[in-house]
Amino acid sequence: MRIRARQPHGVSRTGLIGTLGLLGVMAFVVAQSLVAGATTCEVCIEYRGRTQCRKVSAASEEEAITAAMVNACAFVSGGVTDSMACQRTTPTSTICE
């Protein structure tokens, strides 16, 4: 019968690897959030008599416009089918910086 020696109180190898992995993921998320703000667009949508404007930042102008349209349509439409129809409408205004 073999007796295992107790490890001293401290950080285990698994804990250290987990901590380093978590720090790596956090660094990646922060780096991506800094890059994501490259373009900011404000899009206004008029759908079924309701108007909504939303401003979104994204890595590209196309992504920012699409995200702003989806966001604005969420406020002026009701349900998935209505939201999809709203997203196919032409925005009343689009301003990108």
PDB file of N, CA and C in Angstrom:
ATOM      1  N   MET A   1       0.848  -1.168   0.000  1.00  0.00           N
ATOM      2  CA  MET A   1       0.000   0.000   0.000  1.00  0.00           C
ATOM      3  C   MET A   1       0.894   1.231   0.000  1.00  0.00           C
ATOM      4  N   ARG A   2       0.617   2.093  -0.917  1.00  0.00           N
ATOM      5  CA  ARG A   2       1.422   3.291  -1.051  1.00  0.00           C
ATOM      6  C   ARG A   2       0.684   4.483  -0.465  1.00  0.00           C
ATOM      7  N   ILE A   3       1.354   5.267   0.299  1.00  0.00           N
ATOM      8  CA  ILE A   3       0.745   6.445   0.915  1.00  0.00           C
ATOM      9  C   ILE A   3       1.189   7.667   0.131  1.00  0.00           C
ATOM     10  N   ARG A   4       0.219   8.453  -0.293  1.00  0.00           N
ATOM     11  CA  ARG A   4       0.525   9.669  -1.043  1.00  0.00           C
ATOM     12  C   ARG A   4       0.811  10.795  -0.068  1.00  0.00           C
ATOM     13  N   ALA A   5       1.811  11.530  -0.400  1.00  0.00           N
ATOM     14  CA  ALA A   5       2.151  12.677   0.430  1.00  0.00           C
ATOM     15  C   ALA A   5       1.161  13.795   0.143  1.00  0.00           C
ATOM     16  N   ARG A   6       0.770  14.491   1.160  1.00  0.00           N
ATOM     17  CA  ARG A   6      -0.139  15.622   0.984  1.00  0.00           C
ATOM     18  C   ARG A   6       0.599  16.766   0.326  1.00  0.00           C
ATOM     19  N   GLN A   7      -0.060  17.353  -0.637  1.00  0.00           N
ATOM     20  CA  GLN A   7       0.548  18.507  -1.280  1.00  0.00           C
ATOM     21  C   GLN A   7       0.368  19.710  -0.360  1.00  0.00           C
ATOM     22  N   PRO A   8       1.367  20.562  -0.346  1.00  0.00           N
ATOM     23  CA  PRO A   8       1.250  21.754   0.495  1.00  0.00           C
ATOM     24  C   PRO A   8       0.137  22.653  -0.019  1.00  0.00           C
ATOM     25  N   HIS A   9      -0.417  23.450   0.879  1.00  0.00           N
ATOM     26  CA  HIS A   9      -1.468  24.380   0.480  1.00  0.00           C
ATOM     27  C   HIS A   9      -0.875  25.403  -0.478  1.00  0.00           C
ATOM     28  N   GLY A  10      -1.491  25.555  -1.593  1.00  0.00           N
ATOM     29  CA  GLY A  10      -1.007  26.468  -2.624  1.00  0.00           C
ATOM     30  C   GLY A  10      -1.751  26.196  -3.905  1.00  0.00           C
ATOM     31  N   VAL A  11      -1.216  26.650  -4.978  1.00  0.00           N
ATOM     32  CA  VAL A  11      -1.865  26.503  -6.265  1.00  0.00           C
ATOM     33  C   VAL A  11      -1.415  25.197  -6.915  1.00  0.00           C
ATOM     34  N   SER A  12      -2.378  24.383  -7.310  1.00  0.00           N
ATOM     35  CA  SER A  12      -2.049  23.136  -7.993  1.00  0.00           C
ATOM     36  C   SER A  12      -1.742  23.423  -9.458  1.00  0.00           C
ATOM     37  N   ARG A  13      -1.179  22.455 -10.115  1.00  0.00           N
ATOM     38  CA  ARG A  13      -0.852  22.608 -11.532  1.00  0.00           C
ATOM     39  C   ARG A  13      -2.121  22.836 -12.354  1.00  0.00           C
ATOM     40  N   THR A  14      -3.175  22.107 -12.043  1.00  0.00           N
ATOM     41  CA  THR A  14      -4.438  22.261 -12.755  1.00  0.00           C
ATOM     42  C   THR A  14      -5.012  23.661 -12.535  1.00  0.00           C
ATOM     43  N   GLY A  15      -4.934  24.140 -11.317  1.00  0.00           N
ATOM     44  CA  GLY A  15      -5.427  25.486 -11.014  1.00  0.00           C
ATOM     45  C   GLY A  15      -4.646  26.553 -11.762  1.00  0.00           C
ATOM     46  N   LEU A  16      -3.338  26.371 -11.851  1.00  0.00           N
ATOM     47  CA  LEU A  16      -2.492  27.326 -12.556  1.00  0.00           C
ATOM     48  C   LEU A  16      -2.816  27.331 -14.048  1.00  0.00           C
ATOM     49  N   ILE A  17      -2.984  26.157 -14.636  1.00  0.00           N
ATOM     50  CA  ILE A  17      -3.328  26.052 -16.053  1.00  0.00           C
ATOM     51  C   ILE A  17      -4.697  26.677 -16.314  1.00  0.00           C
ATOM     52  N   GLY A  18      -5.653  26.410 -15.434  1.00  0.00           N
ATOM     53  CA  GLY A  18      -6.987  26.992 -15.575  1.00  0.00           C
ATOM     54  C   GLY A  18      -6.962  28.506 -15.484  1.00  0.00           C
ATOM     55  N   THR A  19      -6.186  29.022 -14.552  1.00  0.00           N
ATOM     56  CA  THR A  19      -6.072  30.479 -14.390  1.00  0.00           C
ATOM     57  C   THR A  19      -5.434  31.116 -15.614  1.00  0.00           C
ATOM     58  N   LEU A  20      -4.372  30.508 -16.120  1.00  0.00           N
ATOM     59  CA  LEU A  20      -3.720  31.038 -17.322  1.00  0.00           C
ATOM     60  C   LEU A  20      -4.653  30.987 -18.528  1.00  0.00           C
ATOM     61  N   GLY A  21      -5.421  29.917 -18.649  1.00  0.00           N
ATOM     62  CA  GLY A  21      -6.387  29.805 -19.738  1.00  0.00           C
ATOM     63  C   GLY A  21      -7.464  30.877 -19.646  1.00  0.00           C
ATOM     64  N   LEU A  22      -7.959  31.114 -18.440  1.00  0.00           N
ATOM     65  CA  LEU A  22      -8.974  32.140 -18.231  1.00  0.00           C
ATOM     66  C   LEU A  22      -8.429  33.524 -18.558  1.00  0.00           C
ATOM     67  N   LEU A  23      -7.199  33.807 -18.148  1.00  0.00           N
ATOM     68  CA  LEU A  23      -6.575  35.090 -18.468  1.00  0.00           C
ATOM     69  C   LEU A  23      -6.394  35.250 -19.978  1.00  0.00           C
ATOM     70  N   GLY A  24      -6.068  34.173 -20.663  1.00  0.00           N
ATOM     71  CA  GLY A  24      -5.930  34.216 -22.116  1.00  0.00           C
ATOM     72  C   GLY A  24      -7.247  34.545 -22.803  1.00  0.00           C
ATOM     73  N   VAL A  25      -8.326  33.916 -22.348  1.00  0.00           N
ATOM     74  CA  VAL A  25      -9.646  34.182 -22.923  1.00  0.00           C
ATOM     75  C   VAL A  25     -10.050  35.632 -22.654  1.00  0.00           C
ATOM     76  N   MET A  26      -9.805  36.113 -21.450  1.00  0.00           N
ATOM     77  CA  MET A  26     -10.137  37.495 -21.110  1.00  0.00           C
ATOM     78  C   MET A  26      -9.350  38.481 -21.979  1.00  0.00           C
ATOM     79  N   ALA A  27      -8.086  38.210 -22.218  1.00  0.00           N
ATOM     80  CA  ALA A  27      -7.262  39.079 -23.061  1.00  0.00           C
ATOM     81  C   ALA A  27      -7.793  39.091 -24.493  1.00  0.00           C
ATOM     82  N   PHE A  28      -8.212  37.946 -24.992  1.00  0.00           N
ATOM     83  CA  PHE A  28      -8.773  37.858 -26.337  1.00  0.00           C
ATOM     84  C   PHE A  28     -10.057  38.678 -26.455  1.00  0.00           C
ATOM     85  N   VAL A  29     -10.948  38.559 -25.466  1.00  0.00           N
ATOM     86  CA  VAL A  29     -12.213  39.300 -25.487  1.00  0.00           C
ATOM     87  C   VAL A  29     -11.962  40.806 -25.452  1.00  0.00           C
ATOM     88  N   VAL A  30     -11.043  41.246 -24.616  1.00  0.00           N
ATOM     89  CA  VAL A  30     -10.723  42.674 -24.535  1.00  0.00           C
ATOM     90  C   VAL A  30     -10.136  43.166 -25.855  1.00  0.00           C
ATOM     91  N   ALA A  31      -9.229  42.401 -26.430  1.00  0.00           N
ATOM     92  CA  ALA A  31      -8.617  42.793 -27.704  1.00  0.00           C
ATOM     93  C   ALA A  31      -9.668  42.892 -28.805  1.00  0.00           C
ATOM     94  N   GLN A  32     -10.589  41.945 -28.866  1.00  0.00           N
ATOM     95  CA  GLN A  32     -11.627  41.966 -29.887  1.00  0.00           C
ATOM     96  C   GLN A  32     -12.596  43.121 -29.682  1.00  0.00           C
ATOM     97  N   SER A  33     -12.882  43.470 -28.448  1.00  0.00           N
ATOM     98  CA  SER A  33     -13.806  44.576 -28.202  1.00  0.00           C
ATOM     99  C   SER A  33     -13.174  45.906 -28.601  1.00  0.00           C
ATOM    100  N   LEU A  34     -11.864  46.020 -28.498  1.00  0.00           N
ATOM    101  CA  LEU A  34     -11.192  47.246 -28.923  1.00  0.00           C
ATOM    102  C   LEU A  34     -11.171  47.368 -30.443  1.00  0.00           C
ATOM    103  N   VAL A  35     -11.032  46.247 -31.133  1.00  0.00           N
ATOM    104  CA  VAL A  35     -11.017  46.244 -32.595  1.00  0.00           C
ATOM    105  C   VAL A  35     -12.417  46.445 -33.139  1.00  0.00           C
ATOM    106  N   ALA A  36     -13.434  45.938 -32.447  1.00  0.00           N
ATOM    107  CA  ALA A  36     -14.807  45.957 -32.941  1.00  0.00           C
ATOM    108  C   ALA A  36     -15.358  47.365 -33.109  1.00  0.00           C
ATOM    109  N   GLY A  37     -14.806  48.351 -32.450  1.00  0.00           N
ATOM    110  CA  GLY A  37     -15.330  49.691 -32.538  1.00  0.00           C
ATOM    111  C   GLY A  37     -14.767  50.498 -33.687  1.00  0.00           C
ATOM    112  N   ALA A  38     -14.320  49.853 -34.746  1.00  0.00           N
ATOM    113  CA  ALA A  38     -13.676  50.549 -35.855  1.00  0.00           C
ATOM    114  C   ALA A  38     -14.647  51.436 -36.622  1.00  0.00           C
ATOM    115  N   THR A  39     -15.896  51.014 -36.805  1.00  0.00           N
ATOM    116  CA  THR A  39     -16.887  51.778 -37.555  1.00  0.00           C
ATOM    117  C   THR A  39     -18.173  51.881 -36.745  1.00  0.00           C
ATOM    118  N   THR A  40     -18.752  53.076 -36.690  1.00  0.00           N
ATOM    119  CA  THR A  40     -20.015  53.287 -35.996  1.00  0.00           C
ATOM    120  C   THR A  40     -21.032  53.810 -36.996  1.00  0.00           C
ATOM    121  N   CYS A  41     -22.195  53.173 -37.047  1.00  0.00           N
ATOM    122  CA  CYS A  41     -23.259  53.588 -37.962  1.00  0.00           C
ATOM    123  C   CYS A  41     -24.561  53.768 -37.193  1.00  0.00           C
ATOM    124  N   GLU A  42     -25.292  54.809 -37.574  1.00  0.00           N
ATOM    125  CA  GLU A  42     -26.642  55.013 -37.043  1.00  0.00           C
ATOM    126  C   GLU A  42     -27.609  54.798 -38.187  1.00  0.00           C
ATOM    127  N   VAL A  43     -28.575  53.906 -37.971  1.00  0.00           N
ATOM    128  CA  VAL A  43     -29.555  53.559 -38.995  1.00  0.00           C
ATOM    129  C   VAL A  43     -30.941  53.852 -38.441  1.00  0.00           C
ATOM    130  N   CYS A  44     -31.767  54.514 -39.248  1.00  0.00           N
ATOM    131  CA  CYS A  44     -33.161  54.767 -38.883  1.00  0.00           C
ATOM    132  C   CYS A  44     -34.064  53.949 -39.804  1.00  0.00           C
ATOM    133  N   ILE A  45     -35.031  53.273 -39.201  1.00  0.00           N
ATOM    134  CA  ILE A  45     -35.964  52.411 -39.927  1.00  0.00           C
ATOM    135  C   ILE A  45     -37.380  52.918 -39.676  1.00  0.00           C
ATOM    136  N   GLU A  46     -38.177  52.986 -40.733  1.00  0.00           N
ATOM    137  CA  GLU A  46     -39.608  53.247 -40.578  1.00  0.00           C
ATOM    138  C   GLU A  46     -40.337  52.003 -41.056  1.00  0.00           C
ATOM    139  N   TYR A  47     -41.137  51.434 -40.175  1.00  0.00           N
ATOM    140  CA  TYR A  47     -41.836  50.192 -40.501  1.00  0.00           C
ATOM    141  C   TYR A  47     -43.229  50.248 -39.878  1.00  0.00           C
ATOM    142  N   ARG A  48     -44.229  50.119 -40.717  1.00  0.00           N
ATOM    143  CA  ARG A  48     -45.629  50.137 -40.288  1.00  0.00           C
ATOM    144  C   ARG A  48     -45.962  51.364 -39.437  1.00  0.00           C
ATOM    145  N   GLY A  49     -45.473  52.507 -39.871  1.00  0.00           N
ATOM    146  CA  GLY A  49     -45.797  53.756 -39.200  1.00  0.00           C
ATOM    147  C   GLY A  49     -44.976  54.065 -37.963  1.00  0.00           C
ATOM    148  N   ARG A  50     -44.077  53.193 -37.601  1.00  0.00           N
ATOM    149  CA  ARG A  50     -43.216  53.417 -36.428  1.00  0.00           C
ATOM    150  C   ARG A  50     -41.788  53.636 -36.892  1.00  0.00           C
ATOM    151  N   THR A  51     -41.095  54.570 -36.246  1.00  0.00           N
ATOM    152  CA  THR A  51     -39.714  54.879 -36.606  1.00  0.00           C
ATOM    153  C   THR A  51     -38.812  54.632 -35.407  1.00  0.00           C
ATOM    154  N   GLN A  52     -37.632  54.068 -35.682  1.00  0.00           N
ATOM    155  CA  GLN A  52     -36.645  53.807 -34.637  1.00  0.00           C
ATOM    156  C   GLN A  52     -35.255  53.975 -35.225  1.00  0.00           C
ATOM    157  N   CYS A  53     -34.369  54.632 -34.484  1.00  0.00           N
ATOM    158  CA  CYS A  53     -32.977  54.795 -34.893  1.00  0.00           C
ATOM    159  C   CYS A  53     -32.088  54.096 -33.872  1.00  0.00           C
ATOM    160  N   ARG A  54     -31.050  53.432 -34.359  1.00  0.00           N
ATOM    161  CA  ARG A  54     -30.095  52.750 -33.485  1.00  0.00           C
ATOM    162  C   ARG A  54     -28.689  52.960 -34.005  1.00  0.00           C
ATOM    163  N   LYS A  55     -27.748  53.129 -33.068  1.00  0.00           N
ATOM    164  CA  LYS A  55     -26.334  53.327 -33.399  1.00  0.00           C
ATOM    165  C   LYS A  55     -25.557  52.110 -32.906  1.00  0.00           C
ATOM    166  N   VAL A  56     -24.718  51.536 -33.793  1.00  0.00           N
ATOM    167  CA  VAL A  56     -23.958  50.324 -33.476  1.00  0.00           C
ATOM    168  C   VAL A  56     -22.521  50.476 -33.973  1.00  0.00           C
ATOM    169  N   SER A  57     -21.572  49.956 -33.207  1.00  0.00           N
ATOM    170  CA  SER A  57     -20.165  49.899 -33.621  1.00  0.00           C
ATOM    171  C   SER A  57     -19.820  48.473 -34.005  1.00  0.00           C
ATOM    172  N   ALA A  58     -19.049  48.325 -35.079  1.00  0.00           N
ATOM    173  CA  ALA A  58     -18.636  46.991 -35.533  1.00  0.00           C
ATOM    174  C   ALA A  58     -17.319  47.110 -36.280  1.00  0.00           C
ATOM    175  N   ALA A  59     -16.774  45.971 -36.649  1.00  0.00           N
ATOM    176  CA  ALA A  59     -15.474  45.931 -37.329  1.00  0.00           C
ATOM    177  C   ALA A  59     -15.547  46.519 -38.736  1.00  0.00           C
ATOM    178  N   SER A  60     -16.694  46.370 -39.401  1.00  0.00           N
ATOM    179  CA  SER A  60     -16.832  46.918 -40.758  1.00  0.00           C
ATOM    180  C   SER A  60     -18.130  47.707 -40.859  1.00  0.00           C
ATOM    181  N   GLU A  61     -18.213  48.539 -41.880  1.00  0.00           N
ATOM    182  CA  GLU A  61     -19.419  49.344 -42.089  1.00  0.00           C
ATOM    183  C   GLU A  61     -20.626  48.454 -42.365  1.00  0.00           C
ATOM    184  N   GLU A  62     -20.435  47.427 -43.168  1.00  0.00           N
ATOM    185  CA  GLU A  62     -21.539  46.516 -43.495  1.00  0.00           C
ATOM    186  C   GLU A  62     -22.086  45.826 -42.246  1.00  0.00           C
ATOM    187  N   GLU A  63     -21.194  45.365 -41.377  1.00  0.00           N
ATOM    188  CA  GLU A  63     -21.626  44.717 -40.136  1.00  0.00           C
ATOM    189  C   GLU A  63     -22.356  45.694 -39.232  1.00  0.00           C
ATOM    190  N   ALA A  64     -21.877  46.929 -39.149  1.00  0.00           N
ATOM    191  CA  ALA A  64     -22.513  47.935 -38.302  1.00  0.00           C
ATOM    192  C   ALA A  64     -23.910  48.273 -38.804  1.00  0.00           C
ATOM    193  N   ILE A  65     -24.069  48.416 -40.118  1.00  0.00           N
ATOM    194  CA  ILE A  65     -25.383  48.725 -40.696  1.00  0.00           C
ATOM    195  C   ILE A  65     -26.351  47.580 -40.444  1.00  0.00           C
ATOM    196  N   THR A  66     -25.906  46.359 -40.689  1.00  0.00           N
ATOM    197  CA  THR A  66     -26.767  45.192 -40.480  1.00  0.00           C
ATOM    198  C   THR A  66     -27.196  45.079 -39.017  1.00  0.00           C
ATOM    199  N   ALA A  67     -26.259  45.231 -38.108  1.00  0.00           N
ATOM    200  CA  ALA A  67     -26.578  45.119 -36.679  1.00  0.00           C
ATOM    201  C   ALA A  67     -27.519  46.233 -36.241  1.00  0.00           C
ATOM    202  N   ALA A  68     -27.320  47.440 -36.744  1.00  0.00           N
ATOM    203  CA  ALA A  68     -28.198  48.556 -36.384  1.00  0.00           C
ATOM    204  C   ALA A  68     -29.611  48.328 -36.917  1.00  0.00           C
ATOM    205  N   MET A  69     -29.713  47.774 -38.131  1.00  0.00           N
ATOM    206  CA  MET A  69     -31.038  47.477 -38.689  1.00  0.00           C
ATOM    207  C   MET A  69     -31.760  46.416 -37.863  1.00  0.00           C
ATOM    208  N   VAL A  70     -31.051  45.363 -37.494  1.00  0.00           N
ATOM    209  CA  VAL A  70     -31.650  44.304 -36.686  1.00  0.00           C
ATOM    210  C   VAL A  70     -32.110  44.876 -35.347  1.00  0.00           C
ATOM    211  N   ASN A  71     -31.277  45.709 -34.744  1.00  0.00           N
ATOM    212  CA  ASN A  71     -31.593  46.309 -33.451  1.00  0.00           C
ATOM    213  C   ASN A  71     -32.811  47.224 -33.564  1.00  0.00           C
ATOM    214  N   ALA A  72     -32.852  48.077 -34.587  1.00  0.00           N
ATOM    215  CA  ALA A  72     -33.986  48.991 -34.760  1.00  0.00           C
ATOM    216  C   ALA A  72     -35.272  48.220 -35.042  1.00  0.00           C
ATOM    217  N   CYS A  73     -35.185  47.187 -35.869  1.00  0.00           N
ATOM    218  CA  CYS A  73     -36.374  46.393 -36.200  1.00  0.00           C
ATOM    219  C   CYS A  73     -36.932  45.661 -34.986  1.00  0.00           C
ATOM    220  N   ALA A  74     -36.089  45.329 -34.039  1.00  0.00           N
ATOM    221  CA  ALA A  74     -36.565  44.668 -32.828  1.00  0.00           C
ATOM    222  C   ALA A  74     -37.533  45.561 -32.055  1.00  0.00           C
ATOM    223  N   PHE A  75     -37.392  46.877 -32.199  1.00  0.00           N
ATOM    224  CA  PHE A  75     -38.254  47.812 -31.489  1.00  0.00           C
ATOM    225  C   PHE A  75     -39.552  48.122 -32.229  1.00  0.00           C
ATOM    226  N   VAL A  76     -39.546  48.062 -33.556  1.00  0.00           N
ATOM    227  CA  VAL A  76     -40.725  48.475 -34.322  1.00  0.00           C
ATOM    228  C   VAL A  76     -41.537  47.309 -34.883  1.00  0.00           C
ATOM    229  N   SER A  77     -41.060  46.098 -34.709  1.00  0.00           N
ATOM    230  CA  SER A  77     -41.779  44.940 -35.249  1.00  0.00           C
ATOM    231  C   SER A  77     -42.230  44.050 -34.102  1.00  0.00           C
ATOM    232  N   GLY A  78     -43.115  43.118 -34.444  1.00  0.00           N
ATOM    233  CA  GLY A  78     -43.606  42.186 -33.433  1.00  0.00           C
ATOM    234  C   GLY A  78     -43.515  40.765 -33.953  1.00  0.00           C
ATOM    235  N   GLY A  79     -42.630  39.974 -33.402  1.00  0.00           N
ATOM    236  CA  GLY A  79     -42.490  38.591 -33.824  1.00  0.00           C
ATOM    237  C   GLY A  79     -41.393  38.395 -34.845  1.00  0.00           C
ATOM    238  N   VAL A  80     -41.037  37.157 -35.066  1.00  0.00           N
ATOM    239  CA  VAL A  80     -39.924  36.807 -35.939  1.00  0.00           C
ATOM    240  C   VAL A  80     -40.220  37.154 -37.398  1.00  0.00           C
ATOM    241  N   THR A  81     -41.387  36.782 -37.896  1.00  0.00           N
ATOM    242  CA  THR A  81     -41.729  37.032 -39.292  1.00  0.00           C
ATOM    243  C   THR A  81     -41.785  38.532 -39.568  1.00  0.00           C
ATOM    244  N   ASP A  82     -42.387  39.281 -38.671  1.00  0.00           N
ATOM    245  CA  ASP A  82     -42.483  40.728 -38.818  1.00  0.00           C
ATOM    246  C   ASP A  82     -41.094  41.370 -38.758  1.00  0.00           C
ATOM    247  N   SER A  83     -40.242  40.864 -37.888  1.00  0.00           N
ATOM    248  CA  SER A  83     -38.884  41.387 -37.765  1.00  0.00           C
ATOM    249  C   SER A  83     -38.086  41.145 -39.036  1.00  0.00           C
ATOM    250  N   MET A  84     -38.249  39.967 -39.633  1.00  0.00           N
ATOM    251  CA  MET A  84     -37.534  39.652 -40.877  1.00  0.00           C
ATOM    252  C   MET A  84     -38.019  40.551 -42.008  1.00  0.00           C
ATOM    253  N   ALA A  85     -39.313  40.827 -42.061  1.00  0.00           N
ATOM    254  CA  ALA A  85     -39.848  41.721 -43.090  1.00  0.00           C
ATOM    255  C   ALA A  85     -39.316  43.137 -42.879  1.00  0.00           C
ATOM    256  N   CYS A  86     -39.224  43.575 -41.639  1.00  0.00           N
ATOM    257  CA  CYS A  86     -38.681  44.897 -41.328  1.00  0.00           C
ATOM    258  C   CYS A  86     -37.236  45.013 -41.786  1.00  0.00           C
ATOM    259  N   GLN A  87     -36.454  43.983 -41.572  1.00  0.00           N
ATOM    260  CA  GLN A  87     -35.034  44.007 -41.935  1.00  0.00           C
ATOM    261  C   GLN A  87     -34.822  44.070 -43.446  1.00  0.00           C
ATOM    262  N   ARG A  88     -35.849  43.722 -44.221  1.00  0.00           N
ATOM    263  CA  ARG A  88     -35.744  43.802 -45.675  1.00  0.00           C
ATOM    264  C   ARG A  88     -36.134  45.182 -46.210  1.00  0.00           C
ATOM    265  N   THR A  89     -36.630  46.067 -45.339  1.00  0.00           N
ATOM    266  CA  THR A  89     -36.992  47.412 -45.794  1.00  0.00           C
ATOM    267  C   THR A  89     -35.734  48.273 -45.918  1.00  0.00           C
ATOM    268  N   THR A  90     -35.833  49.299 -46.733  1.00  0.00           N
ATOM    269  CA  THR A  90     -34.730  50.231 -46.923  1.00  0.00           C
ATOM    270  C   THR A  90     -34.712  51.224 -45.755  1.00  0.00           C
ATOM    271  N   PRO A  91     -33.573  51.437 -45.127  1.00  0.00           N
ATOM    272  CA  PRO A  91     -33.526  52.407 -44.016  1.00  0.00           C
ATOM    273  C   PRO A  91     -33.864  53.810 -44.506  1.00  0.00           C
ATOM    274  N   THR A  92     -34.513  54.597 -43.635  1.00  0.00           N
ATOM    275  CA  THR A  92     -34.817  55.981 -43.998  1.00  0.00           C
ATOM    276  C   THR A  92     -33.549  56.834 -43.958  1.00  0.00           C
ATOM    277  N   SER A  93     -32.595  56.460 -43.105  1.00  0.00           N
ATOM    278  CA  SER A  93     -31.307  57.158 -43.099  1.00  0.00           C
ATOM    279  C   SER A  93     -30.216  56.247 -42.552  1.00  0.00           C
ATOM    280  N   THR A  94     -29.014  56.436 -43.043  1.00  0.00           N
ATOM    281  CA  THR A  94     -27.848  55.685 -42.592  1.00  0.00           C
ATOM    282  C   THR A  94     -26.673  56.652 -42.536  1.00  0.00           C
ATOM    283  N   ILE A  95     -26.086  56.787 -41.339  1.00  0.00           N
ATOM    284  CA  ILE A  95     -24.944  57.674 -41.148  1.00  0.00           C
ATOM    285  C   ILE A  95     -23.820  56.859 -40.497  1.00  0.00           C
ATOM    286  N   CYS A  96     -22.677  56.774 -41.177  1.00  0.00           N
ATOM    287  CA  CYS A  96     -21.538  56.015 -40.650  1.00  0.00           C
ATOM    288  C   CYS A  96     -20.356  56.949 -40.413  1.00  0.00           C
ATOM    289  N   GLU A  97     -19.641  56.680 -39.339  1.00  0.00           N
ATOM    290  CA  GLU A  97     -18.458  57.473 -38.980  1.00  0.00           C
ATOM    291  C   GLU A  97     -17.226  56.619 -39.062  1.00  0.00           C
TER     292      GLU A  97
END
